[in-house]
Every structure is written in C-alpha cells, then in structure tokens.
Amino acid sequence: MSSAILFKDIDQPGLNTLAVYRERGGYGDVLRKGLSMPREALVTELVNSGLRGRGGAGFSMGKKASFMPKGTMDKYLVCNADESEPGTFKDRELMTKSPHMLIEGMILGAYAAGATRAFIYIRGEYAQMADILDDAVAEAYDAGLLGNNILGTDHSLELAVHRGAGAYICGEETALLDSLEGKRGNPRLKPPFPANQGLYQGPTLINNVETLATIPHVLGMGADEYAKIGVENSTGTKLISVSGHVKRPGNYEIELGMSARDIIYGLCGGIEGDLEVKLWFPGGSSSPVLTKDDLDLAYDFDTLAKAGSMLGSGAIIVVDEETSVVDVCLKLAKFYKHESCGKCTPCREGTQWTVKMLERIKSGQATPMDLDIMASVQEQITGHCLCVLGDAMAMPVGSMIAKFRPEFEAYIEEARQRSDAELIASLDAPNEAPLVGSLV
C-alpha cells in the first residue's frame, strides 16, 4: 500500500514544536502556495482531490467549503476535535504529536472558506492534548502564522482552543456550536445548516481534525496525485483506530480500499488466543456490525455502505467468538442511553426501553417476542431524531439482532432456565425462624 502521509515521521522527537515542524517543511512553500491562490482555485483543488470528511459523515470536504456564502459577513471555521465516538483515538495522536499540521490545515481551510475566525473544540478529557495545542497556537502567533496578514498576504485568522465538558452529544456539529456559544450542548433543527447559519448565526465550516490536517498534503501533492491513492470515490489514506480482541491494537494509516482481513489479521496480527472473529464495528460503536463473513470487504466508504454499514470515524472494534453478543449489545445501549441529551422523544425513550429490554434478557425474564419488540423500537428510532445519536444506537443494535438472532434466542432460553432453577432453589430452601429479641 502507499506510504504514510499524515503519520510520516509522526514519532519524530519534538515534532509538536514549531522548530521541528518547520524543519520538515511545515508552514513553507505549501502554505505560501495556498494563500497565493484564488480562494475558488483552492476549493476546486480540494474538490478534485476527492478528499472526504474523516470524522464520520464522509462528505466531500471541498464541496462543503464551497457551500460557504460569499460576502463580507463574519465567517467561522470550527475544528471538531471532540472525538467522543467509542473506539476512536486517532485524532488524539495527531494533536499530541503534530499539532502544527492541524493548525496549518486550518489556516488553509479558513482561507478556502473565507473565514477569519477559527476554533478548535476539543473534548474535555483531552486535557494534555489541549495544553499541547495551546502551546502550538501560541508559537504560531509569535511566528506571525496566525493573526493579521499571514506571511504578508491579505489573509488573517484568529484561532482559539476551546475545551468541552465531556458530553458525547457535543461531537454532533450543531450541539458543538451551541456548546461553543456557552449553551447546553443540544442539537439544532436543520435546516438552516451551519454553512449558512452556524456559530453566532454566521456561516460556519466544520471539519474533523484528520480532514483539516490532510489539506496541506493534498495541496503539496496536488489534487490529481492525491486522487490516485485509494480507490474511486474513496481517495487518499485513512487513519484507523483498531481496538478490541486483536493482538496489536492501535492507530494505523492505510490506503483506502485495503481489505478488512488485511487490517485485522495483517496489521493487527489476528485475534488474541487465535480465536475467530464474531463481529466487528467498521466505523466506531455507532456503525452497524459486520461478521467474519465480511472480512474480505474493501475498507472504503462505498463498499462498507453497500454492505449495510459505514466507514464512519475509522474506528474498527473487533469482538471474538467467545464474547456474548448480548453483553456487547447491552454495554453499547447503556452508553447511548447515558449520553442522550433527551431533547427528542424517539432517542430519549428508545434508548431507555432498549436498555430495559436487554436487562430483561439478562435476568431471564424475556421471551423471543421481546426481540421483535426491540427490533421494532430500533426501526422507530432510526431517522426520527434531531441528530444521529438515536440512530447511533439503533443501527448497531438492530444489526446485532438481525445477524445473531439465534444466539439471542439461546441466551433467552438459558437465562430463563437459570432464573427458574434459582427460584425453585429459593423455594426449597428451609425457612429459618427470625431471631426475636427483646429490649430491656
């Protein structure tokens, strides 16, 4: 596969500092080239590269920038560094080891969008990464790379790092905007979309850390060269976070189109204990699960979508054959129940009912009919919420019921028999007379 782009020399000591980043060519010819181009030409370059959003939605980055209206109104660029999707930890490594790559990408992204103000919204738990970003931003200001007339051009950009407060919902772009404005992080009704009415009611371009960090490389290579990497409609490289029951979990940079089998059994060394794969989440916990029969699928946006799942954030979570699908399902449902903001009924009630029904299965009180009810609840959640948090639970839960129904039914029967046996044992146990004492 192609050599690393974002992770090239990522472990070089001191890469987080301005001096070392500049030694590697950072803030150099590529930045000057980008800022000297007409904005429309830079947007066209991004469109032609085929770069798609790396945060989950997979929408064309260049087209998203092109939606920004022209005019002299205040425009904003927001970097979504919340990275709260379970199983995802790639952006954390980028921000820790190469923060200036992100800042350079934001300078170019803001120029393309016509934005003069930018924010990095980072999750509250990433305290160390936020400190690193603060230091990098300060270095960039001192070097004249942020502020007024960057590199002597007419492009100016004010950039600030904003810490979140630990809510998963703030990874959703409109909830992020509310949080950034100092409000409770609730999703907004769309339309209007952020490109027209976003932060402080102004046009706002929102992109993920990995997406923005890729912009300097696209510009440095040229759109045509970048588009040669990967496969049609899924160009370039992708950072993936692999976790779960693999021998070598971690972050990897792959060329899009690599097979899932080569990722799990090649890069990650296979399954611990040399067991088989039962299921795997291709794009974080919110993606519908796939099975061992899907391991030869190409890991790209379109192939995974056709298989009924999604590439999402690039977080691959692998579950081995000895792990109960009921346990996986319940743990996932509890997470989304806890993180639901409660603003819309299908999500608020649906996540709670899903947890309750899974707990009935665990306790031995369920029947196979409960599976039909639970599957119906997932269908009623999907597509009926203000944001995708409800879908993020409903899609994987629904896929697990559909693909592993026999295992669910067997679990229900075993749990029921166990519960009955415990009840009989308790009834057969001799009743001990309570001790009666007297107070003198």
Protein backbone atom coordinates (compact mmCIF):
# COMPACT_ATOMS: atom_id res chain seq x y z
CA MET A 1 0.00 0.00 0.00
CA SER A 2 1.06 3.64 -0.22
CA SER A 3 3.47 5.12 2.26
CA ALA A 4 2.21 7.12 5.19
CA ILE A 5 1.17 10.73 4.66
CA LEU A 6 -0.24 12.01 7.96
CA PHE A 7 1.82 9.57 10.04
CA LYS A 8 5.06 10.09 8.15
CA ASP A 9 7.72 10.63 10.83
CA ILE A 10 4.90 11.04 13.36
CA ASP A 11 7.14 9.72 16.15
CA GLN A 12 9.98 12.15 15.44
CA PRO A 13 11.01 13.75 18.74
CA GLY A 14 9.93 17.37 19.09
CA LEU A 15 7.51 17.26 16.14
CA ASN A 16 4.98 19.08 18.31
CA THR A 17 7.22 22.16 18.31
CA LEU A 18 7.30 24.82 15.64
CA ALA A 19 11.04 24.46 15.04
CA VAL A 20 10.94 20.74 14.23
CA TYR A 21 7.74 21.05 12.22
CA ARG A 22 9.36 23.75 10.10
CA GLU A 23 12.47 21.60 9.61
CA ARG A 24 10.16 19.10 7.92
CA GLY A 25 8.81 21.75 5.57
CA GLY A 26 5.84 22.89 7.61
CA TYR A 27 4.48 26.42 7.10
CA GLY A 28 6.64 26.65 3.99
CA ASP A 29 6.07 26.53 0.25
CA VAL A 30 2.75 24.71 0.52
CA LEU A 31 1.23 27.36 2.78
CA ARG A 32 2.57 30.18 0.60
CA LYS A 33 1.21 28.46 -2.49
CA GLY A 34 -2.22 28.00 -0.95
CA LEU A 35 -2.52 31.58 0.30
CA SER A 36 -1.42 32.93 -3.09
CA MET A 37 -4.14 31.04 -4.95
CA PRO A 38 -7.61 32.50 -5.55
CA ARG A 39 -9.96 31.04 -2.94
CA GLU A 40 -12.07 29.40 -5.64
CA ALA A 41 -8.98 27.65 -7.04
CA LEU A 42 -8.12 26.23 -3.63
CA VAL A 43 -11.68 24.94 -3.19
CA THR A 44 -11.53 23.37 -6.66
CA GLU A 45 -8.27 21.66 -5.72
CA LEU A 46 -9.90 20.16 -2.65
CA VAL A 47 -12.93 19.01 -4.65
CA ASN A 48 -10.76 17.41 -7.33
CA SER A 49 -8.68 15.54 -4.74
CA GLY A 50 -11.76 13.59 -3.70
CA LEU A 51 -10.98 14.24 -0.03
CA ARG A 52 -14.00 13.17 2.03
CA GLY A 53 -14.65 14.07 5.66
CA ARG A 54 -12.74 11.81 8.01
CA GLY A 55 -14.95 12.39 11.05
CA GLY A 56 -17.85 10.11 10.17
CA ALA A 57 -20.15 11.58 7.51
CA GLY A 58 -17.72 11.15 4.62
CA PHE A 59 -18.93 14.23 2.72
CA SER A 60 -16.65 15.96 0.20
CA MET A 61 -14.52 18.48 2.08
CA GLY A 62 -14.16 20.74 -0.95
CA LYS A 63 -17.89 20.79 -1.68
CA LYS A 64 -18.61 21.57 1.96
CA ALA A 65 -16.26 24.57 1.76
CA SER A 66 -17.92 25.66 -1.50
CA PHE A 67 -21.27 25.97 0.30
CA MET A 68 -19.94 28.91 2.32
CA PRO A 69 -21.63 32.10 1.06
CA LYS A 70 -19.58 34.91 -0.41
CA GLY A 71 -19.64 38.33 1.18
CA THR A 72 -18.07 40.39 3.95
CA MET A 73 -20.01 38.92 6.88
CA ASP A 74 -18.13 37.20 9.73
CA LYS A 75 -17.36 33.58 8.81
CA TYR A 76 -16.02 30.86 11.02
CA LEU A 77 -14.03 27.65 10.78
CA VAL A 78 -14.55 25.13 13.58
CA CYS A 79 -12.38 22.05 14.05
CA ASN A 80 -14.35 19.23 15.65
CA ALA A 81 -11.75 17.67 17.96
CA ASP A 82 -14.33 16.21 20.33
CA GLU A 83 -13.51 12.63 19.21
CA SER A 84 -16.01 11.05 21.58
CA GLU A 85 -17.01 8.09 19.37
CA PRO A 86 -16.14 4.90 21.31
CA GLY A 87 -13.17 3.17 19.72
CA THR A 88 -11.78 6.32 18.11
CA PHE A 89 -8.41 7.71 19.22
CA LYS A 90 -6.60 8.72 16.01
CA ASP A 91 -7.13 12.48 16.34
CA ARG A 92 -5.66 12.31 19.83
CA GLU A 93 -2.38 11.07 18.38
CA LEU A 94 -2.34 13.72 15.66
CA MET A 95 -2.93 16.54 18.12
CA THR A 96 -0.40 15.17 20.60
CA LYS A 97 2.44 14.61 18.15
CA SER A 98 1.84 17.05 15.28
CA PRO A 99 -0.42 19.94 16.36
CA HIS A 100 1.10 22.32 13.82
CA MET A 101 -0.09 20.08 10.98
CA LEU A 102 -3.62 20.73 12.17
CA ILE A 103 -3.02 24.47 12.55
CA GLU A 104 -1.53 24.74 9.04
CA GLY A 105 -4.53 22.83 7.68
CA MET A 106 -6.87 25.21 9.49
CA ILE A 107 -5.12 28.26 8.05
CA LEU A 108 -5.63 26.87 4.54
CA GLY A 109 -9.16 25.64 5.28
CA ALA A 110 -10.16 29.02 6.66
CA TYR A 111 -8.71 30.74 3.60
CA ALA A 112 -10.71 28.45 1.30
CA ALA A 113 -13.90 29.18 3.24
CA GLY A 114 -13.25 32.92 3.57
CA ALA A 115 -13.22 32.59 7.37
CA THR A 116 -11.22 34.90 9.60
CA ARG A 117 -12.04 33.32 12.97
CA ALA A 118 -11.45 29.71 13.97
CA PHE A 119 -11.88 27.44 16.96
CA ILE A 120 -10.60 24.01 17.90
CA TYR A 121 -13.34 22.41 20.01
CA ILE A 122 -11.56 19.67 21.94
CA ARG A 123 -13.16 17.19 24.31
CA GLY A 124 -12.75 17.96 27.99
CA GLU A 125 -11.00 14.67 28.74
CA TYR A 126 -8.18 15.59 26.35
CA ALA A 127 -6.52 17.94 28.84
CA GLN A 128 -2.98 17.05 27.80
CA MET A 129 -3.76 17.46 24.09
CA ALA A 130 -5.45 20.81 24.78
CA ASP A 131 -2.32 22.05 26.56
CA ILE A 132 -0.18 20.94 23.60
CA LEU A 133 -2.49 22.74 21.19
CA ASP A 134 -2.41 25.90 23.33
CA ASP A 135 1.38 25.89 23.18
CA ALA A 136 1.37 25.30 19.41
CA VAL A 137 -1.14 28.10 18.81
CA ALA A 138 0.99 30.46 20.90
CA GLU A 139 4.07 29.53 18.85
CA ALA A 140 2.17 30.15 15.62
CA TYR A 141 1.05 33.58 16.81
CA ASP A 142 4.60 34.51 17.85
CA ALA A 143 5.88 33.50 14.41
CA GLY A 144 3.25 35.56 12.59
CA LEU A 145 1.50 32.47 11.25
CA LEU A 146 -1.75 33.43 12.99
CA GLY A 147 -3.24 36.87 13.40
CA ASN A 148 -3.18 39.61 10.78
CA ASN A 149 -1.73 39.32 7.26
CA ILE A 150 -0.30 35.80 7.48
CA LEU A 151 3.00 35.55 5.55
CA GLY A 152 2.40 39.05 4.20
CA THR A 153 -0.87 38.11 2.50
CA ASP A 154 -4.31 39.63 2.98
CA HIS A 155 -5.46 36.53 4.87
CA SER A 156 -5.92 36.96 8.63
CA LEU A 157 -7.04 34.33 11.11
CA GLU A 158 -7.72 34.39 14.83
CA LEU A 159 -7.57 30.87 16.33
CA ALA A 160 -8.53 29.69 19.83
CA VAL A 161 -8.69 26.31 21.58
CA HIS A 162 -11.96 25.64 23.42
CA ARG A 163 -12.32 22.78 25.89
CA GLY A 164 -15.59 20.85 26.05
CA ALA A 165 -17.11 19.44 29.21
CA GLY A 166 -17.28 15.73 28.48
CA ALA A 167 -20.56 15.24 26.59
CA TYR A 168 -20.72 12.77 23.69
CA ILE A 169 -23.54 14.76 22.09
CA CYS A 170 -21.15 17.67 21.50
CA GLY A 171 -19.46 15.64 18.80
CA GLU A 172 -22.59 16.40 16.73
CA GLU A 173 -21.79 19.57 14.87
CA THR A 174 -24.78 21.70 15.87
CA ALA A 175 -24.63 20.62 19.52
CA LEU A 176 -20.94 21.54 19.36
CA LEU A 177 -21.87 25.01 18.13
CA ASP A 178 -24.34 25.51 20.99
CA SER A 179 -21.67 24.40 23.47
CA LEU A 180 -19.13 26.72 21.88
CA GLU A 181 -21.58 29.60 22.35
CA GLY A 182 -21.84 28.78 26.06
CA LYS A 183 -25.18 26.99 25.90
CA ARG A 184 -26.16 23.44 26.79
CA GLY A 185 -24.95 21.12 24.05
CA ASN A 186 -28.22 20.26 22.29
CA PRO A 187 -28.55 19.53 18.56
CA ARG A 188 -30.26 22.14 16.42
CA LEU A 189 -33.01 21.60 13.91
CA LYS A 190 -31.64 21.59 10.34
CA PRO A 191 -32.06 23.49 8.09
CA PRO A 192 -30.58 26.04 8.42
CA PHE A 193 -27.28 24.25 8.03
CA PRO A 194 -24.07 25.56 9.65
CA ALA A 195 -22.66 26.69 6.29
CA ASN A 196 -25.45 29.27 6.19
CA GLN A 197 -26.22 29.86 9.85
CA GLY A 198 -23.80 28.32 12.31
CA LEU A 199 -21.65 29.77 15.07
CA TYR A 200 -23.09 33.08 16.33
CA GLN A 201 -25.56 32.80 13.43
CA GLY A 202 -22.73 33.28 10.92
CA PRO A 203 -21.65 30.96 8.06
CA THR A 204 -19.53 28.18 9.58
CA LEU A 205 -17.40 25.42 8.10
CA ILE A 206 -16.99 22.47 10.46
CA ASN A 207 -14.42 19.74 9.83
CA ASN A 208 -12.69 16.97 11.73
CA VAL A 209 -9.04 17.05 12.88
CA GLU A 210 -7.86 14.45 10.37
CA THR A 211 -9.68 16.15 7.48
CA LEU A 212 -8.12 19.55 8.17
CA ALA A 213 -4.67 18.07 8.78
CA THR A 214 -4.83 16.46 5.34
CA ILE A 215 -5.28 19.76 3.45
CA PRO A 216 -1.55 20.72 3.37
CA HIS A 217 -0.70 17.28 1.99
CA VAL A 218 -3.36 17.50 -0.72
CA LEU A 219 -2.02 20.88 -1.76
CA GLY A 220 1.59 19.71 -1.57
CA MET A 221 1.00 16.62 -3.70
CA GLY A 222 -1.55 18.19 -6.00
CA ALA A 223 -5.15 17.06 -6.29
CA ASP A 224 -4.52 14.65 -9.17
CA GLU A 225 -1.69 12.84 -7.39
CA TYR A 226 -3.66 12.58 -4.16
CA ALA A 227 -6.67 11.20 -6.05
CA LYS A 228 -4.51 8.35 -7.39
CA ILE A 229 -4.20 6.96 -3.86
CA GLY A 230 -7.00 4.72 -2.68
CA VAL A 231 -9.97 3.77 -4.83
CA GLU A 232 -12.67 5.58 -6.77
CA ASN A 233 -14.85 7.76 -4.51
CA SER A 234 -12.57 6.92 -1.56
CA THR A 235 -9.27 8.61 -2.31
CA GLY A 236 -6.21 9.04 -0.15
CA THR A 237 -5.14 7.41 3.08
CA LYS A 238 -7.18 6.97 6.24
CA LEU A 239 -6.18 6.85 9.87
CA ILE A 240 -7.87 3.93 11.59
CA SER A 241 -8.08 3.10 15.30
CA VAL A 242 -8.27 -0.65 15.90
CA SER A 243 -9.29 -1.97 19.31
CA GLY A 244 -10.95 -4.97 20.88
CA HIS A 245 -9.74 -8.56 20.71
CA VAL A 246 -6.77 -8.06 18.39
CA LYS A 247 -3.16 -8.79 19.17
CA ARG A 248 -1.82 -5.40 18.10
CA PRO A 249 -4.42 -2.68 18.73
CA GLY A 250 -3.55 0.90 17.87
CA ASN A 251 -3.63 3.59 15.20
CA TYR A 252 -2.65 2.76 11.64
CA GLU A 253 -2.59 4.72 8.39
CA ILE A 254 -3.91 2.71 5.47
CA GLU A 255 -4.70 3.31 1.84
CA LEU A 256 -8.46 3.26 1.40
CA GLY A 257 -9.53 0.05 -0.33
CA MET A 258 -7.38 -2.27 1.78
CA SER A 259 -9.33 -5.35 2.88
CA ALA A 260 -10.60 -5.66 6.43
CA ARG A 261 -8.89 -9.04 6.65
CA ASP A 262 -5.51 -7.47 5.86
CA ILE A 263 -6.14 -4.89 8.56
CA ILE A 264 -7.26 -7.29 11.30
CA TYR A 265 -5.05 -10.28 10.51
CA GLY A 266 -2.18 -8.43 8.84
CA LEU A 267 -1.56 -5.10 10.56
CA CYS A 268 -3.12 -6.17 13.87
CA GLY A 269 -1.77 -9.75 13.95
CA GLY A 270 -5.11 -11.52 14.24
CA ILE A 271 -7.28 -12.29 17.24
CA GLU A 272 -6.00 -12.86 20.77
CA GLY A 273 -5.86 -16.56 21.61
CA ASP A 274 -6.11 -17.29 17.87
CA LEU A 275 -9.89 -17.24 18.12
CA GLU A 276 -12.31 -16.39 15.31
CA VAL A 277 -13.99 -13.04 14.75
CA LYS A 278 -17.62 -12.97 15.81
CA LEU A 279 -18.42 -9.41 14.81
CA TRP A 280 -16.68 -6.13 14.11
CA PHE A 281 -17.71 -2.49 14.04
CA PRO A 282 -16.11 -0.91 10.95
CA GLY A 283 -16.67 2.72 11.92
CA GLY A 284 -16.94 3.07 15.67
CA SER A 285 -19.66 1.87 18.02
CA SER A 286 -22.38 3.67 16.05
CA SER A 287 -21.84 1.63 12.87
CA PRO A 288 -23.94 -1.47 12.08
CA VAL A 289 -21.88 -4.57 12.83
CA LEU A 290 -20.39 -6.91 10.26
CA THR A 291 -19.32 -10.54 10.75
CA LYS A 292 -16.40 -12.81 9.90
CA ASP A 293 -18.05 -13.39 6.52
CA ASP A 294 -17.41 -9.73 5.67
CA LEU A 295 -13.67 -9.66 6.33
CA ASP A 296 -12.75 -9.66 2.65
CA LEU A 297 -14.64 -6.44 2.01
CA ALA A 298 -12.60 -3.45 0.86
CA TYR A 299 -12.32 -0.85 3.60
CA ASP A 300 -13.69 2.20 1.82
CA PHE A 301 -16.75 4.43 2.06
CA ASP A 302 -18.86 2.93 -0.72
CA THR A 303 -18.09 -0.75 -0.16
CA LEU A 304 -18.99 -0.62 3.52
CA ALA A 305 -22.15 1.35 2.75
CA LYS A 306 -23.23 -1.31 0.24
CA ALA A 307 -22.61 -3.95 2.91
CA GLY A 308 -25.10 -2.18 5.17
CA SER A 309 -22.63 -0.44 7.46
CA MET A 310 -20.34 2.59 7.23
CA LEU A 311 -16.72 3.63 7.48
CA GLY A 312 -17.62 6.33 9.99
CA SER A 313 -14.70 7.66 12.01
CA GLY A 314 -12.42 4.77 11.02
CA ALA A 315 -12.62 3.03 14.40
CA ILE A 316 -12.60 -0.75 13.99
CA ILE A 317 -13.76 -2.60 17.12
CA VAL A 318 -13.23 -6.37 16.92
CA VAL A 319 -15.16 -8.87 19.07
CA ASP A 320 -14.09 -12.51 19.32
CA GLU A 321 -16.26 -15.64 19.11
CA GLU A 322 -16.26 -16.27 22.86
CA THR A 323 -17.84 -12.93 23.76
CA SER A 324 -21.60 -12.78 24.23
CA VAL A 325 -23.37 -10.60 21.68
CA VAL A 326 -25.96 -9.81 24.38
CA ASP A 327 -23.23 -8.34 26.60
CA VAL A 328 -21.88 -6.25 23.72
CA CYS A 329 -25.37 -5.03 22.86
CA LEU A 330 -26.21 -4.06 26.44
CA LYS A 331 -22.94 -2.23 27.01
CA LEU A 332 -23.45 -0.25 23.82
CA ALA A 333 -27.08 0.59 24.62
CA LYS A 334 -26.21 1.77 28.13
CA PHE A 335 -23.63 4.16 26.69
CA TYR A 336 -26.10 5.81 24.32
CA LYS A 337 -28.83 5.93 26.94
CA HIS A 338 -26.43 7.78 29.25
CA GLU A 339 -25.28 10.19 26.51
CA SER A 340 -28.70 11.04 25.05
CA CYS A 341 -29.41 14.74 25.60
CA GLY A 342 -33.10 13.90 25.96
CA LYS A 343 -34.26 16.64 23.59
CA CYS A 344 -36.27 14.39 21.26
CA THR A 345 -38.62 11.57 22.28
CA PRO A 346 -37.51 8.72 19.98
CA CYS A 347 -33.95 8.90 21.28
CA ARG A 348 -34.73 9.66 24.92
CA GLU A 349 -37.36 6.92 25.28
CA GLY A 350 -35.96 4.50 22.73
CA THR A 351 -32.54 4.23 24.33
CA GLN A 352 -34.10 3.66 27.77
CA TRP A 353 -36.51 0.98 26.50
CA THR A 354 -33.69 -0.80 24.67
CA VAL A 355 -31.64 -1.00 27.86
CA LYS A 356 -34.65 -2.26 29.83
CA MET A 357 -35.40 -5.00 27.30
CA LEU A 358 -31.77 -6.13 27.20
CA GLU A 359 -31.75 -6.25 31.00
CA ARG A 360 -34.88 -8.44 30.83
CA ILE A 361 -32.95 -10.80 28.58
CA LYS A 362 -30.03 -10.87 31.01
CA SER A 363 -32.28 -11.55 34.02
CA GLY A 364 -34.16 -14.44 32.38
CA GLN A 365 -37.50 -12.61 32.18
CA ALA A 366 -37.59 -12.22 28.38
CA THR A 367 -39.17 -14.28 25.61
CA PRO A 368 -38.32 -14.39 21.89
CA MET A 369 -41.18 -11.91 21.38
CA ASP A 370 -39.05 -9.29 23.16
CA LEU A 371 -36.58 -9.47 20.29
CA ASP A 372 -39.31 -8.48 17.84
CA ILE A 373 -40.34 -5.60 20.09
CA MET A 374 -36.73 -4.46 20.50
CA ALA A 375 -36.09 -4.63 16.74
CA SER A 376 -39.27 -2.59 16.19
CA VAL A 377 -38.07 0.05 18.67
CA GLN A 378 -34.82 0.44 16.69
CA GLU A 379 -36.79 0.97 13.48
CA GLN A 380 -38.89 3.64 15.16
CA ILE A 381 -35.78 5.46 16.38
CA THR A 382 -33.88 5.43 13.08
CA GLY A 383 -34.37 8.58 11.06
CA HIS A 384 -36.76 10.17 13.53
CA CYS A 385 -34.36 12.13 15.76
CA LEU A 386 -32.96 15.65 15.60
CA CYS A 387 -29.45 14.25 15.33
CA VAL A 388 -27.91 10.84 14.71
CA LEU A 389 -27.36 9.85 18.35
CA GLY A 390 -30.51 7.74 18.39
CA ASP A 391 -29.54 6.14 15.08
CA ALA A 392 -26.05 5.55 16.51
CA MET A 393 -27.57 3.10 18.98
CA ALA A 394 -30.42 1.80 16.86
CA MET A 395 -28.34 0.81 13.83
CA PRO A 396 -25.79 -1.42 15.61
CA VAL A 397 -28.39 -2.89 17.99
CA GLY A 398 -30.72 -3.65 15.08
CA SER A 399 -27.88 -5.23 13.11
CA MET A 400 -26.88 -7.45 16.04
CA ILE A 401 -30.45 -8.70 16.48
CA ALA A 402 -30.72 -9.39 12.75
CA LYS A 403 -27.37 -11.15 12.38
CA PHE A 404 -27.26 -13.02 15.70
CA ARG A 405 -30.90 -13.76 16.48
CA PRO A 406 -30.26 -17.49 17.18
CA GLU A 407 -27.67 -16.53 19.80
CA PHE A 408 -30.11 -14.06 21.39
CA GLU A 409 -32.83 -16.74 21.49
CA ALA A 410 -30.45 -19.31 23.00
CA TYR A 411 -29.38 -16.76 25.63
CA ILE A 412 -33.03 -16.01 26.46
CA GLU A 413 -33.76 -19.72 27.00
CA GLU A 414 -30.63 -20.35 29.08
CA ALA A 415 -31.27 -17.27 31.21
CA ARG A 416 -34.91 -18.30 31.73
CA GLN A 417 -33.91 -21.82 32.82
CA ARG A 418 -31.27 -20.40 35.15
CA SER A 419 -33.78 -17.99 36.64
CA ASP A 420 -36.33 -20.79 37.12
CA ALA A 421 -33.73 -23.00 38.81
CA GLU A 422 -32.74 -20.20 41.17
CA LEU A 423 -36.40 -19.59 42.03
CA ILE A 424 -37.04 -23.29 42.75
CA ALA A 425 -33.90 -23.49 44.87
CA SER A 426 -35.02 -20.50 46.90
CA LEU A 427 -38.46 -22.05 47.47
CA ASP A 428 -36.95 -25.39 48.52
CA ALA A 429 -34.60 -23.76 51.00
CA PRO A 430 -35.70 -24.27 54.64
CA ASN A 431 -37.25 -21.22 56.22
CA GLU A 432 -35.34 -20.13 59.26
CA ALA A 433 -37.38 -18.54 62.01
CA PRO A 434 -36.28 -14.99 62.56
CA LEU A 435 -34.48 -14.28 65.75
CA VAL A 436 -36.75 -12.49 68.18
CA GLY A 437 -35.09 -10.38 70.81
CA SER A 438 -36.39 -8.09 73.46
CA LEU A 439 -35.24 -4.76 74.60
CA VAL A 440 -34.92 -4.35 78.33
